[in-house]
Amino acid sequence: MTKKLDRNQIAERIDNILKSHKKPYEKKIALFNLVKNLEVGDLPSEKKKRVNHLLESCLFNELAKQSMKEYKKTTVEVFRKN
């Protein structure tokens, strides 16, 4: 859903996301979805798809980094118990 928002509405939504009790990676997903759905002008359909793929790849990269950090932390905890 794309919707034209003014700067104050965007700032308020960003502030709400950042102040939420979500985990950091959940906040990144919420921020990503906000940016992805912002109406910033007319883009040709193909260009819009390319931009969205680029944004998604950056998000997935960040999520993969977070997952690896949590994996390493869990692995360390398991080996400490043994």
C-alpha atoms as a PDB file:
ATOM      1  CA  MET A   1       0.000   0.000   0.000  1.00  0.00           C
ATOM      2  CA  THR A   2       1.569   3.266  -1.075  1.00  0.00           C
ATOM      3  CA  LYS A   3       0.375   6.450   0.492  1.00  0.00           C
ATOM      4  CA  LYS A   4       1.596  10.001   0.175  1.00  0.00           C
ATOM      5  CA  LEU A   5       2.722  11.139   3.631  1.00  0.00           C
ATOM      6  CA  ASP A   6       4.025  14.506   4.711  1.00  0.00           C
ATOM      7  CA  ARG A   7       7.316  14.860   6.572  1.00  0.00           C
ATOM      8  CA  ASN A   8       5.658  15.053   9.984  1.00  0.00           C
ATOM      9  CA  GLN A   9       3.720  11.840   9.411  1.00  0.00           C
ATOM     10  CA  ILE A  10       6.866  10.052   8.239  1.00  0.00           C
ATOM     11  CA  ALA A  11       8.834  11.337  11.229  1.00  0.00           C
ATOM     12  CA  GLU A  12       6.055  10.247  13.583  1.00  0.00           C
ATOM     13  CA  ARG A  13       5.961   6.748  12.110  1.00  0.00           C
ATOM     14  CA  ILE A  14       9.752   6.426  12.305  1.00  0.00           C
ATOM     15  CA  ASP A  15       9.687   7.647  15.907  1.00  0.00           C
ATOM     16  CA  ASN A  16       6.958   5.132  16.797  1.00  0.00           C
ATOM     17  CA  ILE A  17       8.975   2.290  15.281  1.00  0.00           C
ATOM     18  CA  LEU A  18      12.182   3.294  17.048  1.00  0.00           C
ATOM     19  CA  LYS A  19      10.422   3.703  20.419  1.00  0.00           C
ATOM     20  CA  SER A  20       8.617   0.363  20.134  1.00  0.00           C
ATOM     21  CA  HIS A  21       9.583  -2.640  22.230  1.00  0.00           C
ATOM     22  CA  LYS A  22      10.516  -4.667  19.161  1.00  0.00           C
ATOM     23  CA  LYS A  23      13.895  -6.311  18.705  1.00  0.00           C
ATOM     24  CA  PRO A  24      16.405  -4.344  16.622  1.00  0.00           C
ATOM     25  CA  TYR A  25      15.999  -6.506  13.524  1.00  0.00           C
ATOM     26  CA  GLU A  26      12.198  -6.229  13.779  1.00  0.00           C
ATOM     27  CA  LYS A  27      12.573  -2.452  13.859  1.00  0.00           C
ATOM     28  CA  LYS A  28      14.737  -2.636  10.731  1.00  0.00           C
ATOM     29  CA  ILE A  29      12.054  -4.654   8.975  1.00  0.00           C
ATOM     30  CA  ALA A  30       9.386  -2.154  10.015  1.00  0.00           C
ATOM     31  CA  LEU A  31      11.542   0.766   8.852  1.00  0.00           C
ATOM     32  CA  PHE A  32      12.253  -1.057   5.595  1.00  0.00           C
ATOM     33  CA  ASN A  33       8.552  -1.602   4.977  1.00  0.00           C
ATOM     34  CA  LEU A  34       7.863   2.050   5.704  1.00  0.00           C
ATOM     35  CA  VAL A  35      10.513   3.202   3.220  1.00  0.00           C
ATOM     36  CA  LYS A  36       9.512   0.633   0.624  1.00  0.00           C
ATOM     37  CA  ASN A  37       5.884   1.786   0.695  1.00  0.00           C
ATOM     38  CA  LEU A  38       6.532   5.523   0.651  1.00  0.00           C
ATOM     39  CA  GLU A  39       5.239   7.390  -2.359  1.00  0.00           C
ATOM     40  CA  VAL A  40       8.155   9.441  -3.684  1.00  0.00           C
ATOM     41  CA  GLY A  41       6.934  10.125  -7.181  1.00  0.00           C
ATOM     42  CA  ASP A  42       6.224   8.178 -10.299  1.00  0.00           C
ATOM     43  CA  LEU A  43       8.670   5.428 -11.163  1.00  0.00           C
ATOM     44  CA  PRO A  44       8.315   3.177 -14.162  1.00  0.00           C
ATOM     45  CA  SER A  45       7.166  -0.276 -13.089  1.00  0.00           C
ATOM     46  CA  GLU A  46      10.432  -1.972 -14.027  1.00  0.00           C
ATOM     47  CA  LYS A  47      12.555   0.599 -12.216  1.00  0.00           C
ATOM     48  CA  LYS A  48      10.339   0.340  -9.138  1.00  0.00           C
ATOM     49  CA  LYS A  49      10.865  -3.442  -9.119  1.00  0.00           C
ATOM     50  CA  ARG A  50      14.629  -2.991  -9.397  1.00  0.00           C
ATOM     51  CA  VAL A  51      14.700  -0.468  -6.545  1.00  0.00           C
ATOM     52  CA  ASN A  52      12.575  -2.744  -4.356  1.00  0.00           C
ATOM     53  CA  HIS A  53      14.880  -5.706  -5.065  1.00  0.00           C
ATOM     54  CA  LEU A  54      17.878  -3.602  -4.116  1.00  0.00           C
ATOM     55  CA  LEU A  55      16.227  -2.468  -0.890  1.00  0.00           C
ATOM     56  CA  GLU A  56      15.223  -6.030  -0.052  1.00  0.00           C
ATOM     57  CA  SER A  57      18.741  -7.330  -0.654  1.00  0.00           C
ATOM     58  CA  CYS A  58      20.147  -4.713   1.742  1.00  0.00           C
ATOM     59  CA  LEU A  59      17.572  -5.676   4.353  1.00  0.00           C
ATOM     60  CA  PHE A  60      18.247  -9.387   3.965  1.00  0.00           C
ATOM     61  CA  ASN A  61      21.967  -8.704   4.281  1.00  0.00           C
ATOM     62  CA  GLU A  62      21.369  -6.949   7.604  1.00  0.00           C
ATOM     63  CA  LEU A  63      19.079  -9.742   8.796  1.00  0.00           C
ATOM     64  CA  ALA A  64      21.684 -12.340   7.856  1.00  0.00           C
ATOM     65  CA  LYS A  65      24.315 -10.479   9.884  1.00  0.00           C
ATOM     66  CA  GLN A  66      21.971 -10.383  12.875  1.00  0.00           C
ATOM     67  CA  SER A  67      21.189 -14.083  12.519  1.00  0.00           C
ATOM     68  CA  MET A  68      24.884 -14.945  12.424  1.00  0.00           C
ATOM     69  CA  LYS A  69      25.519 -12.913  15.590  1.00  0.00           C
ATOM     70  CA  GLU A  70      22.708 -14.744  17.371  1.00  0.00           C
ATOM     71  CA  TYR A  71      23.948 -18.104  16.047  1.00  0.00           C
ATOM     72  CA  LYS A  72      27.462 -17.412  17.351  1.00  0.00           C
ATOM     73  CA  LYS A  73      26.105 -16.308  20.723  1.00  0.00           C
ATOM     74  CA  THR A  74      23.970 -19.451  21.004  1.00  0.00           C
ATOM     75  CA  THR A  75      26.886 -21.654  19.974  1.00  0.00           C
ATOM     76  CA  VAL A  76      29.141 -20.094  22.604  1.00  0.00           C
ATOM     77  CA  GLU A  77      26.480 -20.639  25.266  1.00  0.00           C
ATOM     78  CA  VAL A  78      26.091 -24.305  24.265  1.00  0.00           C
ATOM     79  CA  PHE A  79      29.856 -24.945  24.423  1.00  0.00           C
ATOM     80  CA  ARG A  80      30.138 -23.175  27.794  1.00  0.00           C
ATOM     81  CA  LYS A  81      27.542 -25.520  29.252  1.00  0.00           C
ATOM     82  CA  ASN A  82      29.471 -28.603  28.077  1.00  0.00           C
END
